[in-house]
Amino acid sequence: MKRITTLIIGAAAMTGFGLGAIAPADAAGAFGNWKRPNGSTAKTYSCGGKMCGKVVAGKGAGFQMFTGIKKAGGNTWKGNMKHPKMGSRMNFNGTVQYRGGKLYVKGCMIGGLFCDSEVWSPK
């Protein structure tokens, strides 16, 4: 009986039960400095338990891309975003996902009719 219990606990640790403890550490990796495809640097940081993001160097430096987007589960955040090329006059429904050490940033408007996305690499 002891051997069966040990096997069950071991199997649980190697499947989904063990992954829950890993997710928060992975999500923490989403915060920091990122290189955008245009060469500028964006910084993501925690703001009141949410995520904020700002262009800190290069083209568009000082532009606040998102403030207070909410965690939507796992390594994904959702909320309103702005695009540096369009200034502060346009809002996008945005998603930021941390996966494989990179940030996948996507913003859509008009019900998803128009979208733009970028993959940010660690700086």
PDB file of N, CA and C in Angstrom:
ATOM      1  N   MET A   1       0.824  -1.200   0.000  1.00  0.00           N
ATOM      2  CA  MET A   1       0.000   0.000   0.000  1.00  0.00           C
ATOM      3  C   MET A   1       0.865   1.260   0.000  1.00  0.00           C
ATOM      4  N   LYS A   2       1.957   1.229   0.779  1.00  0.00           N
ATOM      5  CA  LYS A   2       2.839   2.391   0.844  1.00  0.00           C
ATOM      6  C   LYS A   2       3.445   2.678  -0.532  1.00  0.00           C
ATOM      7  N   ARG A   3       3.798   1.642  -1.264  1.00  0.00           N
ATOM      8  CA  ARG A   3       4.391   1.806  -2.593  1.00  0.00           C
ATOM      9  C   ARG A   3       3.394   2.458  -3.558  1.00  0.00           C
ATOM     10  N   ILE A   4       2.122   2.055  -3.493  1.00  0.00           N
ATOM     11  CA  ILE A   4       1.097   2.628  -4.365  1.00  0.00           C
ATOM     12  C   ILE A   4       0.898   4.100  -4.039  1.00  0.00           C
ATOM     13  N   THR A   5       0.843   4.450  -2.762  1.00  0.00           N
ATOM     14  CA  THR A   5       0.693   5.848  -2.355  1.00  0.00           C
ATOM     15  C   THR A   5       1.866   6.679  -2.855  1.00  0.00           C
ATOM     16  N   THR A   6       3.076   6.151  -2.747  1.00  0.00           N
ATOM     17  CA  THR A   6       4.264   6.856  -3.221  1.00  0.00           C
ATOM     18  C   THR A   6       4.195   7.072  -4.725  1.00  0.00           C
ATOM     19  N   LEU A   7       3.752   6.065  -5.473  1.00  0.00           N
ATOM     20  CA  LEU A   7       3.623   6.193  -6.925  1.00  0.00           C
ATOM     21  C   LEU A   7       2.587   7.248  -7.300  1.00  0.00           C
ATOM     22  N   ILE A   8       1.469   7.266  -6.586  1.00  0.00           N
ATOM     23  CA  ILE A   8       0.418   8.251  -6.875  1.00  0.00           C
ATOM     24  C   ILE A   8       0.915   9.665  -6.594  1.00  0.00           C
ATOM     25  N   ILE A   9       1.573   9.859  -5.468  1.00  0.00           N
ATOM     26  CA  ILE A   9       2.107  11.186  -5.132  1.00  0.00           C
ATOM     27  C   ILE A   9       3.163  11.604  -6.148  1.00  0.00           C
ATOM     28  N   GLY A  10       4.019  10.689  -6.546  1.00  0.00           N
ATOM     29  CA  GLY A  10       5.046  10.994  -7.548  1.00  0.00           C
ATOM     30  C   GLY A  10       4.441  11.364  -8.883  1.00  0.00           C
ATOM     31  N   ALA A  11       3.409  10.628  -9.306  1.00  0.00           N
ATOM     32  CA  ALA A  11       2.739  10.930 -10.572  1.00  0.00           C
ATOM     33  C   ALA A  11       2.057  12.290 -10.512  1.00  0.00           C
ATOM     34  N   ALA A  12       1.435  12.602  -9.374  1.00  0.00           N
ATOM     35  CA  ALA A  12       0.771  13.903  -9.224  1.00  0.00           C
ATOM     36  C   ALA A  12       1.780  15.040  -9.297  1.00  0.00           C
ATOM     37  N   ALA A  13       2.950  14.843  -8.725  1.00  0.00           N
ATOM     38  CA  ALA A  13       3.979  15.888  -8.742  1.00  0.00           C
ATOM     39  C   ALA A  13       4.488  16.145 -10.148  1.00  0.00           C
ATOM     40  N   MET A  14       4.490  15.121 -11.002  1.00  0.00           N
ATOM     41  CA  MET A  14       4.998  15.287 -12.365  1.00  0.00           C
ATOM     42  C   MET A  14       3.925  15.792 -13.316  1.00  0.00           C
ATOM     43  N   THR A  15       2.669  15.841 -12.890  1.00  0.00           N
ATOM     44  CA  THR A  15       1.598  16.337 -13.745  1.00  0.00           C
ATOM     45  C   THR A  15       1.160  17.710 -13.272  1.00  0.00           C
ATOM     46  N   GLY A  16      -0.076  18.056 -13.474  1.00  0.00           N
ATOM     47  CA  GLY A  16      -0.599  19.383 -13.177  1.00  0.00           C
ATOM     48  C   GLY A  16      -0.453  19.852 -11.758  1.00  0.00           C
ATOM     49  N   PHE A  17      -0.452  18.956 -10.771  1.00  0.00           N
ATOM     50  CA  PHE A  17      -0.354  19.399  -9.384  1.00  0.00           C
ATOM     51  C   PHE A  17       0.953  20.130  -9.131  1.00  0.00           C
ATOM     52  N   GLY A  18       2.011  19.710  -9.744  1.00  0.00           N
ATOM     53  CA  GLY A  18       3.310  20.339  -9.545  1.00  0.00           C
ATOM     54  C   GLY A  18       3.452  21.655 -10.271  1.00  0.00           C
ATOM     55  N   LEU A  19       2.678  21.884 -11.316  1.00  0.00           N
ATOM     56  CA  LEU A  19       2.833  23.093 -12.126  1.00  0.00           C
ATOM     57  C   LEU A  19       2.265  24.332 -11.463  1.00  0.00           C
ATOM     58  N   GLY A  20       1.308  24.189 -10.570  1.00  0.00           N
ATOM     59  CA  GLY A  20       0.706  25.350  -9.919  1.00  0.00           C
ATOM     60  C   GLY A  20       1.719  26.177  -9.169  1.00  0.00           C
ATOM     61  N   ALA A  21       2.696  25.556  -8.574  1.00  0.00           N
ATOM     62  CA  ALA A  21       3.711  26.276  -7.816  1.00  0.00           C
ATOM     63  C   ALA A  21       4.683  26.995  -8.735  1.00  0.00           C
ATOM     64  N   ILE A  22       4.786  26.578  -9.983  1.00  0.00           N
ATOM     65  CA  ILE A  22       5.740  27.179 -10.919  1.00  0.00           C
ATOM     66  C   ILE A  22       5.174  28.454 -11.548  1.00  0.00           C
ATOM     67  N   ALA A  23       3.879  28.512 -11.781  1.00  0.00           N
ATOM     68  CA  ALA A  23       3.272  29.620 -12.510  1.00  0.00           C
ATOM     69  C   ALA A  23       3.585  30.999 -11.936  1.00  0.00           C
ATOM     70  N   PRO A  24       3.490  31.251 -10.597  1.00  0.00           N
ATOM     71  CA  PRO A  24       3.779  32.590 -10.108  1.00  0.00           C
ATOM     72  C   PRO A  24       5.203  33.045 -10.424  1.00  0.00           C
ATOM     73  N   ALA A  25       6.175  32.160 -10.333  1.00  0.00           N
ATOM     74  CA  ALA A  25       7.557  32.536 -10.647  1.00  0.00           C
ATOM     75  C   ALA A  25       7.677  32.900 -12.119  1.00  0.00           C
ATOM     76  N   ASP A  26       7.007  32.156 -12.986  1.00  0.00           N
ATOM     77  CA  ASP A  26       7.033  32.464 -14.407  1.00  0.00           C
ATOM     78  C   ASP A  26       6.420  33.833 -14.671  1.00  0.00           C
ATOM     79  N   ALA A  27       5.287  34.128 -14.027  1.00  0.00           N
ATOM     80  CA  ALA A  27       4.620  35.407 -14.220  1.00  0.00           C
ATOM     81  C   ALA A  27       5.515  36.561 -13.792  1.00  0.00           C
ATOM     82  N   ALA A  28       6.312  36.374 -12.759  1.00  0.00           N
ATOM     83  CA  ALA A  28       7.222  37.430 -12.300  1.00  0.00           C
ATOM     84  C   ALA A  28       8.231  37.789 -13.381  1.00  0.00           C
ATOM     85  N   GLY A  29       8.556  36.845 -14.250  1.00  0.00           N
ATOM     86  CA  GLY A  29       9.492  37.108 -15.342  1.00  0.00           C
ATOM     87  C   GLY A  29       8.951  38.076 -16.375  1.00  0.00           C
ATOM     88  N   ALA A  30       7.651  38.356 -16.327  1.00  0.00           N
ATOM     89  CA  ALA A  30       7.031  39.271 -17.283  1.00  0.00           C
ATOM     90  C   ALA A  30       7.371  40.727 -16.998  1.00  0.00           C
ATOM     91  N   PHE A  31       7.944  40.997 -15.834  1.00  0.00           N
ATOM     92  CA  PHE A  31       8.253  42.371 -15.449  1.00  0.00           C
ATOM     93  C   PHE A  31       9.732  42.655 -15.666  1.00  0.00           C
ATOM     94  N   GLY A  32      10.010  43.769 -16.338  1.00  0.00           N
ATOM     95  CA  GLY A  32      11.400  44.147 -16.587  1.00  0.00           C
ATOM     96  C   GLY A  32      11.525  44.943 -17.871  1.00  0.00           C
ATOM     97  N   ASN A  33      12.725  44.983 -18.425  1.00  0.00           N
ATOM     98  CA  ASN A  33      13.000  45.729 -19.656  1.00  0.00           C
ATOM     99  C   ASN A  33      12.950  44.797 -20.859  1.00  0.00           C
ATOM    100  N   TRP A  34      12.310  45.287 -21.933  1.00  0.00           N
ATOM    101  CA  TRP A  34      12.067  44.485 -23.127  1.00  0.00           C
ATOM    102  C   TRP A  34      12.443  45.251 -24.386  1.00  0.00           C
ATOM    103  N   LYS A  35      13.023  44.544 -25.329  1.00  0.00           N
ATOM    104  CA  LYS A  35      13.344  45.139 -26.628  1.00  0.00           C
ATOM    105  C   LYS A  35      12.161  44.913 -27.561  1.00  0.00           C
ATOM    106  N   ARG A  36      11.635  46.017 -28.086  1.00  0.00           N
ATOM    107  CA  ARG A  36      10.529  45.961 -29.036  1.00  0.00           C
ATOM    108  C   ARG A  36      11.089  45.751 -30.443  1.00  0.00           C
ATOM    109  N   PRO A  37      10.276  45.298 -31.390  1.00  0.00           N
ATOM    110  CA  PRO A  37      10.758  45.062 -32.756  1.00  0.00           C
ATOM    111  C   PRO A  37      11.371  46.295 -33.430  1.00  0.00           C
ATOM    112  N   ASN A  38      10.940  47.493 -33.048  1.00  0.00           N
ATOM    113  CA  ASN A  38      11.500  48.706 -33.653  1.00  0.00           C
ATOM    114  C   ASN A  38      12.808  49.143 -32.996  1.00  0.00           C
ATOM    115  N   GLY A  39      13.293  48.369 -32.014  1.00  0.00           N
ATOM    116  CA  GLY A  39      14.557  48.680 -31.352  1.00  0.00           C
ATOM    117  C   GLY A  39      14.421  49.481 -30.074  1.00  0.00           C
ATOM    118  N   SER A  40      13.248  50.040 -29.821  1.00  0.00           N
ATOM    119  CA  SER A  40      13.065  50.799 -28.581  1.00  0.00           C
ATOM    120  C   SER A  40      12.978  49.833 -27.395  1.00  0.00           C
ATOM    121  N   THR A  41      13.091  50.394 -26.199  1.00  0.00           N
ATOM    122  CA  THR A  41      13.010  49.591 -24.980  1.00  0.00           C
ATOM    123  C   THR A  41      11.747  49.958 -24.219  1.00  0.00           C
ATOM    124  N   ALA A  42      10.994  48.935 -23.846  1.00  0.00           N
ATOM    125  CA  ALA A  42       9.803  49.122 -23.019  1.00  0.00           C
ATOM    126  C   ALA A  42      10.063  48.479 -21.667  1.00  0.00           C
ATOM    127  N   LYS A  43       9.464  49.050 -20.649  1.00  0.00           N
ATOM    128  CA  LYS A  43       9.585  48.496 -19.303  1.00  0.00           C
ATOM    129  C   LYS A  43       8.195  48.119 -18.820  1.00  0.00           C
ATOM    130  N   THR A  44       8.057  46.894 -18.329  1.00  0.00           N
ATOM    131  CA  THR A  44       6.818  46.475 -17.686  1.00  0.00           C
ATOM    132  C   THR A  44       7.082  46.388 -16.195  1.00  0.00           C
ATOM    133  N   TYR A  45       6.101  46.817 -15.413  1.00  0.00           N
ATOM    134  CA  TYR A  45       6.279  46.841 -13.965  1.00  0.00           C
ATOM    135  C   TYR A  45       4.930  46.684 -13.278  1.00  0.00           C
ATOM    136  N   SER A  46       4.991  46.253 -12.034  1.00  0.00           N
ATOM    137  CA  SER A  46       3.789  46.071 -11.235  1.00  0.00           C
ATOM    138  C   SER A  46       3.312  47.433 -10.737  1.00  0.00           C
ATOM    139  N   CYS A  47       2.010  47.662 -10.857  1.00  0.00           N
ATOM    140  CA  CYS A  47       1.428  48.919 -10.381  1.00  0.00           C
ATOM    141  C   CYS A  47       0.091  48.604  -9.719  1.00  0.00           C
ATOM    142  N   GLY A  48       0.085  48.609  -8.418  1.00  0.00           N
ATOM    143  CA  GLY A  48      -1.137  48.326  -7.675  1.00  0.00           C
ATOM    144  C   GLY A  48      -1.676  46.923  -7.916  1.00  0.00           C
ATOM    145  N   GLY A  49      -0.799  45.951  -8.057  1.00  0.00           N
ATOM    146  CA  GLY A  49      -1.218  44.575  -8.294  1.00  0.00           C
ATOM    147  C   GLY A  49      -1.584  44.283  -9.735  1.00  0.00           C
ATOM    148  N   LYS A  50      -1.378  45.247 -10.609  1.00  0.00           N
ATOM    149  CA  LYS A  50      -1.664  45.082 -12.038  1.00  0.00           C
ATOM    150  C   LYS A  50      -0.362  45.269 -12.808  1.00  0.00           C
ATOM    151  N   MET A  51      -0.423  45.325 -14.134  1.00  0.00           N
ATOM    152  CA  MET A  51       0.769  45.536 -14.950  1.00  0.00           C
ATOM    153  C   MET A  51       0.683  46.871 -15.678  1.00  0.00           C
ATOM    154  N   CYS A  52       1.782  47.607 -15.660  1.00  0.00           N
ATOM    155  CA  CYS A  52       1.917  48.839 -16.427  1.00  0.00           C
ATOM    156  C   CYS A  52       3.080  48.664 -17.394  1.00  0.00           C
ATOM    157  N   GLY A  53       3.056  49.412 -18.489  1.00  0.00           N
ATOM    158  CA  GLY A  53       4.130  49.329 -19.463  1.00  0.00           C
ATOM    159  C   GLY A  53       4.388  50.670 -20.111  1.00  0.00           C
ATOM    160  N   LYS A  54       5.662  51.004 -20.252  1.00  0.00           N
ATOM    161  CA  LYS A  54       6.061  52.313 -20.757  1.00  0.00           C
ATOM    162  C   LYS A  54       7.291  52.164 -21.641  1.00  0.00           C
ATOM    163  N   VAL A  55       7.350  52.951 -22.723  1.00  0.00           N
ATOM    164  CA  VAL A  55       8.551  53.008 -23.555  1.00  0.00           C
ATOM    165  C   VAL A  55       9.557  53.871 -22.803  1.00  0.00           C
ATOM    166  N   VAL A  56      10.732  53.315 -22.515  1.00  0.00           N
ATOM    167  CA  VAL A  56      11.704  54.037 -21.690  1.00  0.00           C
ATOM    168  C   VAL A  56      12.942  54.491 -22.461  1.00  0.00           C
ATOM    169  N   ALA A  57      13.173  53.959 -23.652  1.00  0.00           N
ATOM    170  CA  ALA A  57      14.338  54.377 -24.444  1.00  0.00           C
ATOM    171  C   ALA A  57      14.050  54.155 -25.921  1.00  0.00           C
ATOM    172  N   GLY A  58      14.654  55.008 -26.749  1.00  0.00           N
ATOM    173  CA  GLY A  58      14.463  54.890 -28.189  1.00  0.00           C
ATOM    174  C   GLY A  58      13.236  55.648 -28.653  1.00  0.00           C
ATOM    175  N   LYS A  59      12.766  55.292 -29.840  1.00  0.00           N
ATOM    176  CA  LYS A  59      11.621  55.971 -30.434  1.00  0.00           C
ATOM    177  C   LYS A  59      10.390  55.845 -29.534  1.00  0.00           C
ATOM    178  N   GLY A  60       9.783  56.963 -29.228  1.00  0.00           N
ATOM    179  CA  GLY A  60       8.593  56.989 -28.382  1.00  0.00           C
ATOM    180  C   GLY A  60       8.879  56.982 -26.895  1.00  0.00           C
ATOM    181  N   ALA A  61      10.130  57.232 -26.507  1.00  0.00           N
ATOM    182  CA  ALA A  61      10.495  57.212 -25.081  1.00  0.00           C
ATOM    183  C   ALA A  61       9.566  58.118 -24.282  1.00  0.00           C
ATOM    184  N   GLY A  62       9.096  57.604 -23.158  1.00  0.00           N
ATOM    185  CA  GLY A  62       8.192  58.339 -22.289  1.00  0.00           C
ATOM    186  C   GLY A  62       6.726  57.993 -22.507  1.00  0.00           C
ATOM    187  N   PHE A  63       6.421  57.293 -23.593  1.00  0.00           N
ATOM    188  CA  PHE A  63       5.028  56.967 -23.903  1.00  0.00           C
ATOM    189  C   PHE A  63       4.531  55.829 -23.015  1.00  0.00           C
ATOM    190  N   GLN A  64       3.423  56.064 -22.327  1.00  0.00           N
ATOM    191  CA  GLN A  64       2.800  55.060 -21.461  1.00  0.00           C
ATOM    192  C   GLN A  64       1.873  54.204 -22.320  1.00  0.00           C
ATOM    193  N   MET A  65       2.260  52.955 -22.563  1.00  0.00           N
ATOM    194  CA  MET A  65       1.474  52.068 -23.424  1.00  0.00           C
ATOM    195  C   MET A  65       0.267  51.464 -22.711  1.00  0.00           C
ATOM    196  N   PHE A  66       0.452  51.089 -21.458  1.00  0.00           N
ATOM    197  CA  PHE A  66      -0.677  50.566 -20.694  1.00  0.00           C
ATOM    198  C   PHE A  66      -0.479  50.824 -19.216  1.00  0.00           C
ATOM    199  N   THR A  67      -1.607  51.110 -18.556  1.00  0.00           N
ATOM    200  CA  THR A  67      -1.588  51.344 -17.111  1.00  0.00           C
ATOM    201  C   THR A  67      -2.650  50.469 -16.479  1.00  0.00           C
ATOM    202  N   GLY A  68      -2.232  49.638 -15.592  1.00  0.00           N
ATOM    203  CA  GLY A  68      -3.171  48.854 -14.804  1.00  0.00           C
ATOM    204  C   GLY A  68      -3.945  47.792 -15.550  1.00  0.00           C
ATOM    205  N   ILE A  69      -3.286  47.069 -16.460  1.00  0.00           N
ATOM    206  CA  ILE A  69      -4.002  45.952 -17.068  1.00  0.00           C
ATOM    207  C   ILE A  69      -4.034  44.801 -16.064  1.00  0.00           C
ATOM    208  N   LYS A  70      -5.142  44.100 -16.049  1.00  0.00           N
ATOM    209  CA  LYS A  70      -5.403  43.109 -14.999  1.00  0.00           C
ATOM    210  C   LYS A  70      -4.960  41.712 -15.404  1.00  0.00           C
ATOM    211  N   LYS A  71      -4.507  40.973 -14.420  1.00  0.00           N
ATOM    212  CA  LYS A  71      -4.128  39.582 -14.643  1.00  0.00           C
ATOM    213  C   LYS A  71      -5.392  38.798 -14.991  1.00  0.00           C
ATOM    214  N   ALA A  72      -5.300  38.052 -16.093  1.00  0.00           N
ATOM    215  CA  ALA A  72      -6.455  37.290 -16.567  1.00  0.00           C
ATOM    216  C   ALA A  72      -6.277  35.797 -16.321  1.00  0.00           C
ATOM    217  N   GLY A  73      -5.248  35.455 -15.564  1.00  0.00           N
ATOM    218  CA  GLY A  73      -4.983  34.055 -15.275  1.00  0.00           C
ATOM    219  C   GLY A  73      -3.657  33.620 -15.862  1.00  0.00           C
ATOM    220  N   GLY A  74      -2.989  32.731 -15.157  1.00  0.00           N
ATOM    221  CA  GLY A  74      -1.705  32.231 -15.644  1.00  0.00           C
ATOM    222  C   GLY A  74      -0.726  33.358 -15.874  1.00  0.00           C
ATOM    223  N   ASN A  75      -0.174  33.431 -17.043  1.00  0.00           N
ATOM    224  CA  ASN A  75       0.809  34.452 -17.409  1.00  0.00           C
ATOM    225  C   ASN A  75       0.224  35.425 -18.428  1.00  0.00           C
ATOM    226  N   THR A  76      -1.054  35.767 -18.279  1.00  0.00           N
ATOM    227  CA  THR A  76      -1.755  36.635 -19.221  1.00  0.00           C
ATOM    228  C   THR A  76      -2.398  37.805 -18.485  1.00  0.00           C
ATOM    229  N   TRP A  77      -2.275  38.996 -19.080  1.00  0.00           N
ATOM    230  CA  TRP A  77      -2.900  40.215 -18.563  1.00  0.00           C
ATOM    231  C   TRP A  77      -3.741  40.807 -19.679  1.00  0.00           C
ATOM    232  N   LYS A  78      -4.872  41.439 -19.312  1.00  0.00           N
ATOM    233  CA  LYS A  78      -5.750  42.057 -20.312  1.00  0.00           C
ATOM    234  C   LYS A  78      -6.216  43.417 -19.822  1.00  0.00           C
ATOM    235  N   GLY A  79      -6.408  44.325 -20.783  1.00  0.00           N
ATOM    236  CA  GLY A  79      -6.898  45.650 -20.446  1.00  0.00           C
ATOM    237  C   GLY A  79      -6.704  46.617 -21.595  1.00  0.00           C
ATOM    238  N   ASN A  80      -6.917  47.906 -21.319  1.00  0.00           N
ATOM    239  CA  ASN A  80      -6.771  48.946 -22.340  1.00  0.00           C
ATOM    240  C   ASN A  80      -5.309  49.276 -22.585  1.00  0.00           C
ATOM    241  N   MET A  81      -4.974  49.459 -23.864  1.00  0.00           N
ATOM    242  CA  MET A  81      -3.615  49.817 -24.278  1.00  0.00           C
ATOM    243  C   MET A  81      -3.667  50.965 -25.265  1.00  0.00           C
ATOM    244  N   LYS A  82      -2.511  51.562 -25.431  1.00  0.00           N
ATOM    245  CA  LYS A  82      -2.319  52.590 -26.451  1.00  0.00           C
ATOM    246  C   LYS A  82      -1.090  52.204 -27.265  1.00  0.00           C
ATOM    247  N   HIS A  83      -1.045  52.656 -28.516  1.00  0.00           N
ATOM    248  CA  HIS A  83       0.098  52.352 -29.384  1.00  0.00           C
ATOM    249  C   HIS A  83       0.889  53.637 -29.605  1.00  0.00           C
ATOM    250  N   PRO A  84       2.210  53.576 -29.463  1.00  0.00           N
ATOM    251  CA  PRO A  84       3.020  54.790 -29.626  1.00  0.00           C
ATOM    252  C   PRO A  84       2.816  55.498 -30.965  1.00  0.00           C
ATOM    253  N   LYS A  85       2.546  54.761 -32.032  1.00  0.00           N
ATOM    254  CA  LYS A  85       2.352  55.383 -33.346  1.00  0.00           C
ATOM    255  C   LYS A  85       1.050  56.175 -33.420  1.00  0.00           C
ATOM    256  N   MET A  86       0.092  55.846 -32.575  1.00  0.00           N
ATOM    257  CA  MET A  86      -1.211  56.502 -32.628  1.00  0.00           C
ATOM    258  C   MET A  86      -1.419  57.476 -31.485  1.00  0.00           C
ATOM    259  N   GLY A  87      -0.451  57.589 -30.614  1.00  0.00           N
ATOM    260  CA  GLY A  87      -0.567  58.521 -29.503  1.00  0.00           C
ATOM    261  C   GLY A  87      -1.625  58.105 -28.508  1.00  0.00           C
ATOM    262  N   SER A  88      -2.050  59.057 -27.715  1.00  0.00           N
ATOM    263  CA  SER A  88      -2.987  58.735 -26.631  1.00  0.00           C
ATOM    264  C   SER A  88      -4.445  58.842 -27.056  1.00  0.00           C
ATOM    265  N   ARG A  89      -4.701  59.085 -28.327  1.00  0.00           N
ATOM    266  CA  ARG A  89      -6.086  59.282 -28.756  1.00  0.00           C
ATOM    267  C   ARG A  89      -6.834  57.974 -29.050  1.00  0.00           C
ATOM    268  N   MET A  90      -6.120  56.852 -29.205  1.00  0.00           N
ATOM    269  CA  MET A  90      -6.758  55.575 -29.534  1.00  0.00           C
ATOM    270  C   MET A  90      -6.547  54.564 -28.419  1.00  0.00           C
ATOM    271  N   ASN A  91      -7.606  53.880 -28.047  1.00  0.00           N
ATOM    272  CA  ASN A  91      -7.526  52.794 -27.070  1.00  0.00           C
ATOM    273  C   ASN A  91      -7.708  51.460 -27.779  1.00  0.00           C
ATOM    274  N   PHE A  92      -6.965  50.484 -27.335  1.00  0.00           N
ATOM    275  CA  PHE A  92      -7.055  49.132 -27.864  1.00  0.00           C
ATOM    276  C   PHE A  92      -7.394  48.178 -26.731  1.00  0.00           C
ATOM    277  N   ASN A  93      -8.125  47.130 -27.045  1.00  0.00           N
ATOM    278  CA  ASN A  93      -8.313  46.032 -26.096  1.00  0.00           C
ATOM    279  C   ASN A  93      -7.054  45.189 -26.192  1.00  0.00           C
ATOM    280  N   GLY A  94      -6.277  45.194 -25.129  1.00  0.00           N
ATOM    281  CA  GLY A  94      -4.963  44.572 -25.196  1.00  0.00           C
ATOM    282  C   GLY A  94      -4.821  43.302 -24.394  1.00  0.00           C
ATOM    283  N   THR A  95      -3.866  42.505 -24.840  1.00  0.00           N
ATOM    284  CA  THR A  95      -3.480  41.280 -24.148  1.00  0.00           C
ATOM    285  C   THR A  95      -1.966  41.210 -24.106  1.00  0.00           C
ATOM    286  N   VAL A  96      -1.426  40.905 -22.951  1.00  0.00           N
ATOM    287  CA  VAL A  96       0.012  40.666 -22.786  1.00  0.00           C
ATOM    288  C   VAL A  96       0.152  39.251 -22.242  1.00  0.00           C
ATOM    289  N   GLN A  97       0.958  38.458 -22.921  1.00  0.00           N
ATOM    290  CA  GLN A  97       1.175  37.086 -22.467  1.00  0.00           C
ATOM    291  C   GLN A  97       2.670  36.822 -22.368  1.00  0.00           C
ATOM    292  N   TYR A  98       3.088  36.299 -21.225  1.00  0.00           N
ATOM    293  CA  TYR A  98       4.486  35.929 -20.999  1.00  0.00           C
ATOM    294  C   TYR A  98       4.624  34.441 -21.274  1.00  0.00           C
ATOM    295  N   ARG A  99       5.461  34.124 -22.273  1.00  0.00           N
ATOM    296  CA  ARG A  99       5.598  32.732 -22.693  1.00  0.00           C
ATOM    297  C   ARG A  99       6.994  32.506 -23.262  1.00  0.00           C
ATOM    298  N   GLY A 100       7.664  31.491 -22.781  1.00  0.00           N
ATOM    299  CA  GLY A 100       8.977  31.143 -23.312  1.00  0.00           C
ATOM    300  C   GLY A 100      10.012  32.240 -23.162  1.00  0.00           C
ATOM    301  N   GLY A 101       9.891  33.040 -22.093  1.00  0.00           N
ATOM    302  CA  GLY A 101      10.854  34.101 -21.853  1.00  0.00           C
ATOM    303  C   GLY A 101      10.633  35.353 -22.681  1.00  0.00           C
ATOM    304  N   LYS A 102       9.534  35.430 -23.424  1.00  0.00           N
ATOM    305  CA  LYS A 102       9.211  36.606 -24.245  1.00  0.00           C
ATOM    306  C   LYS A 102       7.827  37.117 -23.883  1.00  0.00           C
ATOM    307  N   LEU A 103       7.574  38.372 -24.249  1.00  0.00           N
ATOM    308  CA  LEU A 103       6.241  38.953 -24.063  1.00  0.00           C
ATOM    309  C   LEU A 103       5.562  39.052 -25.422  1.00  0.00           C
ATOM    310  N   TYR A 104       4.349  38.567 -25.475  1.00  0.00           N
ATOM    311  CA  TYR A 104       3.527  38.657 -26.677  1.00  0.00           C
ATOM    312  C   TYR A 104       2.468  39.712 -26.392  1.00  0.00           C
ATOM    313  N   VAL A 105       2.555  40.830 -27.099  1.00  0.00           N
ATOM    314  CA  VAL A 105       1.695  41.989 -26.848  1.00  0.00           C
ATOM    315  C   VAL A 105       0.776  42.168 -28.052  1.00  0.00           C
ATOM    316  N   LYS A 106      -0.531  42.220 -27.792  1.00  0.00           N
ATOM    317  CA  LYS A 106      -1.495  42.355 -28.884  1.00  0.00           C
ATOM    318  C   LYS A 106      -2.565  43.354 -28.483  1.00  0.00           C
ATOM    319  N   GLY A 107      -2.923  44.225 -29.423  1.00  0.00           N
ATOM    320  CA  GLY A 107      -3.989  45.183 -29.198  1.00  0.00           C
ATOM    321  C   GLY A 107      -4.955  45.168 -30.363  1.00  0.00           C
ATOM    322  N   CYS A 108      -6.255  45.182 -30.068  1.00  0.00           N
ATOM    323  CA  CYS A 108      -7.288  45.159 -31.104  1.00  0.00           C
ATOM    324  C   CYS A 108      -8.310  46.257 -30.849  1.00  0.00           C
ATOM    325  N   MET A 109      -8.961  46.694 -31.923  1.00  0.00           N
ATOM    326  CA  MET A 109     -10.045  47.666 -31.810  1.00  0.00           C
ATOM    327  C   MET A 109     -11.169  47.278 -32.759  1.00  0.00           C
ATOM    328  N   ILE A 110     -12.304  47.912 -32.597  1.00  0.00           N
ATOM    329  CA  ILE A 110     -13.509  47.647 -33.384  1.00  0.00           C
ATOM    330  C   ILE A 110     -13.826  46.149 -33.371  1.00  0.00           C
ATOM    331  N   GLY A 111     -13.935  45.611 -32.166  1.00  0.00           N
ATOM    332  CA  GLY A 111     -14.330  44.217 -32.006  1.00  0.00           C
ATOM    333  C   GLY A 111     -13.363  43.212 -32.598  1.00  0.00           C
ATOM    334  N   GLY A 112     -12.090  43.577 -32.680  1.00  0.00           N
ATOM    335  CA  GLY A 112     -11.087  42.660 -33.218  1.00  0.00           C
ATOM    336  C   GLY A 112     -10.905  42.773 -34.720  1.00  0.00           C
ATOM    337  N   LEU A 113     -11.568  43.752 -35.341  1.00  0.00           N
ATOM    338  CA  LEU A 113     -11.442  43.936 -36.789  1.00  0.00           C
ATOM    339  C   LEU A 113     -10.036  44.398 -37.167  1.00  0.00           C
ATOM    340  N   PHE A 114      -9.463  45.269 -36.342  1.00  0.00           N
ATOM    341  CA  PHE A 114      -8.100  45.757 -36.560  1.00  0.00           C
ATOM    342  C   PHE A 114      -7.249  45.404 -35.351  1.00  0.00           C
ATOM    343  N   CYS A 115      -6.157  44.691 -35.585  1.00  0.00           N
ATOM    344  CA  CYS A 115      -5.263  44.274 -34.503  1.00  0.00           C
ATOM    345  C   CYS A 115      -3.814  44.523 -34.897  1.00  0.00           C
ATOM    346  N   ASP A 116      -2.981  44.696 -33.905  1.00  0.00           N
ATOM    347  CA  ASP A 116      -1.537  44.804 -34.095  1.00  0.00           C
ATOM    348  C   ASP A 116      -0.891  44.002 -32.975  1.00  0.00           C
ATOM    349  N   SER A 117       0.203  43.344 -33.292  1.00  0.00           N
ATOM    350  CA  SER A 117       0.875  42.559 -32.259  1.00  0.00           C
ATOM    351  C   SER A 117       2.386  42.677 -32.405  1.00  0.00           C
ATOM    352  N   GLU A 118       3.064  42.490 -31.299  1.00  0.00           N
ATOM    353  CA  GLU A 118       4.524  42.519 -31.245  1.00  0.00           C
ATOM    354  C   GLU A 118       5.000  41.422 -30.305  1.00  0.00           C
ATOM    355  N   VAL A 119       6.200  40.939 -30.570  1.00  0.00           N
ATOM    356  CA  VAL A 119       6.868  40.018 -29.652  1.00  0.00           C
ATOM    357  C   VAL A 119       8.054  40.771 -29.084  1.00  0.00           C
ATOM    358  N   TRP A 120       8.101  40.887 -27.763  1.00  0.00           N
ATOM    359  CA  TRP A 120       9.180  41.602 -27.087  1.00  0.00           C
ATOM    360  C   TRP A 120      10.176  40.600 -26.520  1.00  0.00           C
ATOM    361  N   SER A 121      11.449  40.888 -26.724  1.00  0.00           N
ATOM    362  CA  SER A 121      12.528  40.031 -26.216  1.00  0.00           C
ATOM    363  C   SER A 121      13.152  40.662 -24.983  1.00  0.00           C
ATOM    364  N   PRO A 122      13.698  39.854 -24.080  1.00  0.00           N
ATOM    365  CA  PRO A 122      14.342  40.422 -22.890  1.00  0.00           C
ATOM    366  C   PRO A 122      15.492  41.339 -23.281  1.00  0.00           C
ATOM    367  N   LYS A 123      15.651  42.418 -22.562  1.00  0.00           N
ATOM    368  CA  LYS A 123      16.721  43.394 -22.845  1.00  0.00           C
ATOM    369  C   LYS A 123      17.851  43.169 -21.872  1.00  0.00           C
TER     370      LYS A 123
END
